[in-house]
Each structure stands twice: as C-alpha cells, then as structure tokens.
Amino acid sequence: MSEELKVLLVQVITSWQVIAVTVALILYIGMVRYVTQYDPMARVHNIPRPKPPKPKKEKKPPAPAAADDDGLEDAESA
C-alpha cells in the first residue's frame, strides 16, 4: 500500500460524516432490535392476579354395602 492511500483511508475513516453515519446506524440497529424483542404481554404477566376460587365438590353419600352376600365365594378362588 502506498503512503498516499494510507493517508486517504485515515482521513476518510476519521471524517465527521463517516463517524455520524456509523453512530446513526448503531442507534438504528439497536432500536430495531428493541422493537423486535418487545413483548407488551410481558408487562401484563408480571402483575400478580388472585386465583379464582376452586369450585366446591359435593360430597356423595357413602355407597351401600354389597347386599349379595349369599355366602358364595368368588368363582376365582374356587
């Protein structure tokens, strides 16, 4: 690389226009990333909500005892 090219590159990189555009692009990309990752429902889910009361279960009367006790044993055990 020639010396003239090196000097020209340094002047271009350090010019205020290049620096301003670089900063603007960085801010723009940061804003786009923020918008794409923003979740409005995240704020809603962070609010603790009271749980609805559980429905009360009705107690069933106890089942009647088996009335077919004829003294017969199970067919399986015979």
C-alpha atoms as a PDB file:
ATOM      1  CA  MET A   1       0.000   0.000   0.000  1.00  0.00           C
ATOM      2  CA  SER A   2       1.286   3.407  -0.836  1.00  0.00           C
ATOM      3  CA  GLU A   3       1.571   6.165   1.711  1.00  0.00           C
ATOM      4  CA  GLU A   4      -0.989   8.279  -0.137  1.00  0.00           C
ATOM      5  CA  LEU A   5      -3.586   5.509   0.159  1.00  0.00           C
ATOM      6  CA  LYS A   6      -2.928   5.091   3.887  1.00  0.00           C
ATOM      7  CA  VAL A   7      -3.321   8.815   4.495  1.00  0.00           C
ATOM      8  CA  LEU A   8      -6.505   8.904   2.427  1.00  0.00           C
ATOM      9  CA  LEU A   9      -8.033   5.960   4.353  1.00  0.00           C
ATOM     10  CA  VAL A  10      -7.259   7.587   7.707  1.00  0.00           C
ATOM     11  CA  GLN A  11      -8.838  10.835   6.556  1.00  0.00           C
ATOM     12  CA  VAL A  12     -11.966   9.062   5.313  1.00  0.00           C
ATOM     13  CA  ILE A  13     -12.393   6.949   8.450  1.00  0.00           C
ATOM     14  CA  THR A  14     -11.928   9.919  10.792  1.00  0.00           C
ATOM     15  CA  SER A  15     -14.176  12.308   8.871  1.00  0.00           C
ATOM     16  CA  TRP A  16     -17.220  13.536  10.807  1.00  0.00           C
ATOM     17  CA  GLN A  17     -19.638  12.279   8.127  1.00  0.00           C
ATOM     18  CA  VAL A  18     -18.436   8.685   8.416  1.00  0.00           C
ATOM     19  CA  ILE A  19     -18.493   8.821  12.217  1.00  0.00           C
ATOM     20  CA  ALA A  20     -22.013  10.347  12.242  1.00  0.00           C
ATOM     21  CA  VAL A  21     -23.387   7.718   9.858  1.00  0.00           C
ATOM     22  CA  THR A  22     -21.765   4.935  11.891  1.00  0.00           C
ATOM     23  CA  VAL A  23     -23.314   6.208  15.137  1.00  0.00           C
ATOM     24  CA  ALA A  24     -26.706   6.644  13.440  1.00  0.00           C
ATOM     25  CA  LEU A  25     -26.590   3.073  12.113  1.00  0.00           C
ATOM     26  CA  ILE A  26     -25.683   1.682  15.517  1.00  0.00           C
ATOM     27  CA  LEU A  27     -28.587   3.551  17.143  1.00  0.00           C
ATOM     28  CA  TYR A  28     -30.984   2.447  14.390  1.00  0.00           C
ATOM     29  CA  ILE A  29     -29.985  -1.210  14.679  1.00  0.00           C
ATOM     30  CA  GLY A  30     -30.339  -1.034  18.453  1.00  0.00           C
ATOM     31  CA  MET A  31     -33.823   0.451  18.129  1.00  0.00           C
ATOM     32  CA  VAL A  32     -34.890  -2.192  15.615  1.00  0.00           C
ATOM     33  CA  ARG A  33     -33.662  -4.966  17.903  1.00  0.00           C
ATOM     34  CA  TYR A  34     -35.542  -3.434  20.856  1.00  0.00           C
ATOM     35  CA  VAL A  35     -38.780  -3.234  18.870  1.00  0.00           C
ATOM     36  CA  THR A  36     -38.496  -6.795  17.577  1.00  0.00           C
ATOM     37  CA  GLN A  37     -37.869  -8.191  21.061  1.00  0.00           C
ATOM     38  CA  TYR A  38     -40.510  -6.036  22.800  1.00  0.00           C
ATOM     39  CA  ASP A  39     -43.364  -8.076  24.267  1.00  0.00           C
ATOM     40  CA  PRO A  40     -46.275  -5.968  25.525  1.00  0.00           C
ATOM     41  CA  MET A  41     -47.821  -9.004  27.216  1.00  0.00           C
ATOM     42  CA  ALA A  42     -44.735  -9.369  29.421  1.00  0.00           C
ATOM     43  CA  ARG A  43     -45.867  -6.392  31.494  1.00  0.00           C
ATOM     44  CA  VAL A  44     -49.338  -7.844  31.871  1.00  0.00           C
ATOM     45  CA  HIS A  45     -48.000 -11.212  33.017  1.00  0.00           C
ATOM     46  CA  ASN A  46     -45.815  -9.642  35.712  1.00  0.00           C
ATOM     47  CA  ILE A  47     -48.853  -8.342  37.613  1.00  0.00           C
ATOM     48  CA  PRO A  48     -49.864 -10.882  40.265  1.00  0.00           C
ATOM     49  CA  ARG A  49     -53.502 -11.821  39.885  1.00  0.00           C
ATOM     50  CA  PRO A  50     -55.649 -13.506  42.519  1.00  0.00           C
ATOM     51  CA  LYS A  51     -56.515 -17.072  41.653  1.00  0.00           C
ATOM     52  CA  PRO A  52     -60.183 -17.848  41.167  1.00  0.00           C
ATOM     53  CA  PRO A  53     -61.685 -19.940  43.966  1.00  0.00           C
ATOM     54  CA  LYS A  54     -61.912 -23.646  43.281  1.00  0.00           C
ATOM     55  CA  PRO A  55     -65.448 -24.976  42.882  1.00  0.00           C
ATOM     56  CA  LYS A  56     -66.598 -26.906  45.907  1.00  0.00           C
ATOM     57  CA  LYS A  57     -67.136 -30.580  45.305  1.00  0.00           C
ATOM     58  CA  GLU A  58     -70.360 -32.057  46.586  1.00  0.00           C
ATOM     59  CA  LYS A  59     -69.840 -34.955  48.943  1.00  0.00           C
ATOM     60  CA  LYS A  60     -71.529 -38.088  47.727  1.00  0.00           C
ATOM     61  CA  PRO A  61     -73.257 -40.316  50.283  1.00  0.00           C
ATOM     62  CA  PRO A  62     -71.299 -43.489  51.020  1.00  0.00           C
ATOM     63  CA  ALA A  63     -72.157 -46.380  48.749  1.00  0.00           C
ATOM     64  CA  PRO A  64     -74.359 -49.018  50.358  1.00  0.00           C
ATOM     65  CA  ALA A  65     -72.624 -52.202  51.416  1.00  0.00           C
ATOM     66  CA  ALA A  66     -72.790 -55.079  48.991  1.00  0.00           C
ATOM     67  CA  ALA A  67     -76.101 -56.860  49.658  1.00  0.00           C
ATOM     68  CA  ASP A  68     -75.367 -60.017  47.662  1.00  0.00           C
ATOM     69  CA  ASP A  69     -73.560 -61.848  50.464  1.00  0.00           C
ATOM     70  CA  ASP A  70     -75.164 -65.213  49.871  1.00  0.00           C
ATOM     71  CA  GLY A  71     -72.248 -66.994  51.407  1.00  0.00           C
ATOM     72  CA  LEU A  72     -70.851 -67.778  47.997  1.00  0.00           C
ATOM     73  CA  GLU A  73     -67.181 -67.451  47.477  1.00  0.00           C
ATOM     74  CA  ASP A  74     -65.630 -65.914  44.461  1.00  0.00           C
ATOM     75  CA  ALA A  75     -65.504 -68.119  41.429  1.00  0.00           C
ATOM     76  CA  GLU A  76     -61.875 -67.219  41.028  1.00  0.00           C
ATOM     77  CA  SER A  77     -60.804 -68.592  44.383  1.00  0.00           C
ATOM     78  CA  ALA A  78     -62.555 -71.940  43.876  1.00  0.00           C
END
